[in-house]
C-alpha atoms as a PDB file:
ATOM      1  CA  MET A   1      -0.184  -0.082  -0.031  1.00  0.00           C
ATOM      2  CA  THR A   2       0.795   3.590  -0.023  1.00  0.00           C
ATOM      3  CA  HIS A   3      -0.412   6.845   1.374  1.00  0.00           C
ATOM      4  CA  VAL A   4      -2.246   9.819  -0.929  1.00  0.00           C
ATOM      5  CA  ILE A   5      -1.673  12.711  -0.690  1.00  0.00           C
ATOM      6  CA  THR A   6      -5.539  14.683  -1.559  1.00  0.00           C
ATOM      7  CA  LYS A   7      -6.687  17.804  -2.781  1.00  0.00           C
ATOM      8  CA  LEU A   8      -6.937  19.043   1.110  1.00  0.00           C
ATOM      9  CA  CYS A   9      -2.852  20.239   0.018  1.00  0.00           C
ATOM     10  CA  THR A  10      -1.978  23.298   1.618  1.00  0.00           C
ATOM     11  CA  ARG A  11       1.596  23.115   0.256  1.00  0.00           C
ATOM     12  CA  GLN A  12       3.260  23.391   3.575  1.00  0.00           C
ATOM     13  CA  GLY A  13       5.795  21.215   2.491  1.00  0.00           C
ATOM     14  CA  ASP A  14       6.270  19.552   6.159  1.00  0.00           C
ATOM     15  CA  CYS A  15       5.765  15.925   4.340  1.00  0.00           C
ATOM     16  CA  VAL A  16       8.471  16.212   2.075  1.00  0.00           C
ATOM     17  CA  GLU A  17      10.915  17.200   5.604  1.00  0.00           C
ATOM     18  CA  VAL A  18       9.911  13.562   7.106  1.00  0.00           C
ATOM     19  CA  CYS A  19       9.696  11.680   4.100  1.00  0.00           C
ATOM     20  CA  PRO A  20      12.645   8.466   4.371  1.00  0.00           C
ATOM     21  CA  VAL A  21      12.556   7.942   1.602  1.00  0.00           C
ATOM     22  CA  ASP A  22      12.279  10.913  -0.732  1.00  0.00           C
ATOM     23  CA  CYS A  23       8.844  10.305  -2.325  1.00  0.00           C
ATOM     24  CA  ILE A  24       7.225  12.912  -1.534  1.00  0.00           C
ATOM     25  CA  VAL A  25       7.598  16.265  -4.203  1.00  0.00           C
ATOM     26  CA  PRO A  26       5.315  19.622  -5.349  1.00  0.00           C
ATOM     27  CA  GLY A  27       4.443  20.193  -8.398  1.00  0.00           C
ATOM     28  CA  PRO A  28       5.838  22.655  -9.629  1.00  0.00           C
ATOM     29  CA  LYS A  29       4.244  26.174  -8.570  1.00  0.00           C
ATOM     30  CA  GLU A  30       3.658  27.582 -11.854  1.00  0.00           C
ATOM     31  CA  ASP A  31       2.740  24.283 -13.404  1.00  0.00           C
ATOM     32  CA  PRO A  32      -1.111  24.763 -14.519  1.00  0.00           C
ATOM     33  CA  VAL A  33      -1.593  21.303 -13.829  1.00  0.00           C
ATOM     34  CA  TRP A  34       0.361  20.125 -11.402  1.00  0.00           C
ATOM     35  CA  GLY A  35       0.693  23.097  -9.600  1.00  0.00           C
ATOM     36  CA  LYS A  36      -1.742  22.964  -6.952  1.00  0.00           C
ATOM     37  CA  TYR A  37      -0.692  20.293  -4.247  1.00  0.00           C
ATOM     38  CA  PHE A  38       1.937  17.931  -3.726  1.00  0.00           C
ATOM     39  CA  TYR A  39       2.101  13.769  -4.748  1.00  0.00           C
ATOM     40  CA  ILE A  40       3.537  10.529  -3.475  1.00  0.00           C
ATOM     41  CA  ASP A  41       5.260   8.264  -5.742  1.00  0.00           C
ATOM     42  CA  PRO A  42       3.425   5.586  -5.024  1.00  0.00           C
ATOM     43  CA  ASP A  43       6.202   3.152  -6.020  1.00  0.00           C
ATOM     44  CA  THR A  44       8.209   4.523  -4.175  1.00  0.00           C
ATOM     45  CA  CYS A  45       6.226   4.693  -0.744  1.00  0.00           C
ATOM     46  CA  ILE A  46       7.400   2.665   2.057  1.00  0.00           C
ATOM     47  CA  ASP A  47       4.085   3.378   3.839  1.00  0.00           C
ATOM     48  CA  CYS A  48       5.701   4.450   7.063  1.00  0.00           C
ATOM     49  CA  GLY A  49       3.211   7.144   7.743  1.00  0.00           C
ATOM     50  CA  ALA A  50       5.699   9.676   9.036  1.00  0.00           C
ATOM     51  CA  CYS A  51       4.156  12.358   6.796  1.00  0.00           C
ATOM     52  CA  VAL A  52       0.717  11.610   8.089  1.00  0.00           C
ATOM     53  CA  PRO A  53       0.846  14.114  12.053  1.00  0.00           C
ATOM     54  CA  VAL A  54       2.997  16.798  10.282  1.00  0.00           C
ATOM     55  CA  CYS A  55       0.584  17.700   7.557  1.00  0.00           C
ATOM     56  CA  PRO A  56      -1.625  20.748   8.818  1.00  0.00           C
ATOM     57  CA  PRO A  57      -4.259  19.806   6.284  1.00  0.00           C
ATOM     58  CA  ALA A  58      -4.360  16.487   7.176  1.00  0.00           C
ATOM     59  CA  ALA A  59      -4.363  15.717   3.703  1.00  0.00           C
ATOM     60  CA  ILE A  60      -2.347  12.352   3.701  1.00  0.00           C
ATOM     61  CA  PHE A  61      -4.676   9.033   4.041  1.00  0.00           C
ATOM     62  CA  PRO A  62      -3.233   5.424   3.891  1.00  0.00           C
ATOM     63  CA  GLU A  63      -4.690   4.354   0.527  1.00  0.00           C
ATOM     64  CA  GLU A  64      -7.284   1.628   1.555  1.00  0.00           C
ATOM     65  CA  ASP A  65      -8.925   5.102   3.922  1.00  0.00           C
ATOM     66  CA  VAL A  66      -9.117   7.735   1.462  1.00  0.00           C
ATOM     67  CA  PRO A  67     -12.675   9.690   1.393  1.00  0.00           C
ATOM     68  CA  PRO A  68     -15.081   8.713  -0.661  1.00  0.00           C
ATOM     69  CA  GLU A  69     -14.759  12.393  -2.511  1.00  0.00           C
ATOM     70  CA  TYR A  70     -10.997  12.575  -2.526  1.00  0.00           C
ATOM     71  CA  GLN A  71     -11.233   8.991  -4.356  1.00  0.00           C
ATOM     72  CA  ALA A  72      -9.556  10.181  -7.862  1.00  0.00           C
ATOM     73  CA  ASP A  73      -6.549  11.259  -5.968  1.00  0.00           C
ATOM     74  CA  ILE A  74      -5.706   8.314  -5.756  1.00  0.00           C
ATOM     75  CA  ALA A  75      -5.107   8.219  -9.614  1.00  0.00           C
ATOM     76  CA  MET A  76      -3.315  12.134  -9.870  1.00  0.00           C
ATOM     77  CA  ASN A  77      -0.852  11.081  -7.571  1.00  0.00           C
ATOM     78  CA  LYS A  78       0.089   7.993  -9.621  1.00  0.00           C
ATOM     79  CA  GLU A  79       0.234   9.968 -12.360  1.00  0.00           C
ATOM     80  CA  TYR A  80       1.710  12.667 -11.287  1.00  0.00           C
ATOM     81  CA  PHE A  81       4.942   9.638 -11.644  1.00  0.00           C
ATOM     82  CA  THR A  82       3.798   8.310 -14.523  1.00  0.00           C
ATOM     83  CA  ASN A  83       2.839  11.377 -16.963  1.00  0.00           C
ATOM     84  CA  GLY A  84       3.393  14.396 -15.216  1.00  0.00           C
ATOM     85  CA  PRO A  85       6.361  16.271 -14.262  1.00  0.00           C
ATOM     86  CA  GLY A  86       7.369  13.366 -12.093  1.00  0.00           C
ATOM     87  CA  TYR A  87      10.987  13.856  -9.675  1.00  0.00           C
ATOM     88  CA  TRP A  88      12.871  17.260 -10.227  1.00  0.00           C
ATOM     89  CA  GLU A  89      15.514  19.118  -8.375  1.00  0.00           C
ATOM     90  CA  PHE A  90      13.357  22.119  -6.272  1.00  0.00           C
ATOM     91  CA  ASP A  91      13.693  24.663  -3.807  1.00  0.00           C
ATOM     92  CA  LEU A  92      11.289  23.353  -0.579  1.00  0.00           C
ATOM     93  CA  GLU A  93      11.147  26.825   0.619  1.00  0.00           C
ATOM     94  CA  ALA A  94      10.300  28.345  -3.209  1.00  0.00           C
ATOM     95  CA  GLU A  95       7.438  26.145  -3.638  1.00  0.00           C
ATOM     96  CA  ARG A  96       6.212  26.113  -0.015  1.00  0.00           C
ATOM     97  CA  ALA A  97       2.582  28.200   0.322  1.00  0.00           C
ATOM     98  CA  PRO A  98       3.314  31.350   2.399  1.00  0.00           C
ATOM     99  CA  ARG A  99       2.642  30.288   5.809  1.00  0.00           C
ATOM    100  CA  GLN A 100      -0.129  31.072   7.978  1.00  0.00           C
ATOM    101  CA  LYS A 101       0.377  33.068  10.799  1.00  0.00           C
END
């Protein structure tokens, strides 16, 4: 199994910092198709769950627990790595959304 980032993602990026296998990447901010969210590579995720408690909007779920209204996000995460930008060199601070105070 894998974990899935849903459309609840607010691009805080805390998940990237705790992932032990570096399988979470942001969609390039300026990309009109992929720039709204961060994505988890389902083929690399080891299902450790380290990303879940650090996600401020609670946007990350184990695949089997993704709520019905976010089921399409399972395919969206996979599509990002198969036909989207996939892995790329990024500056996490530049890709994060501004922090809410």
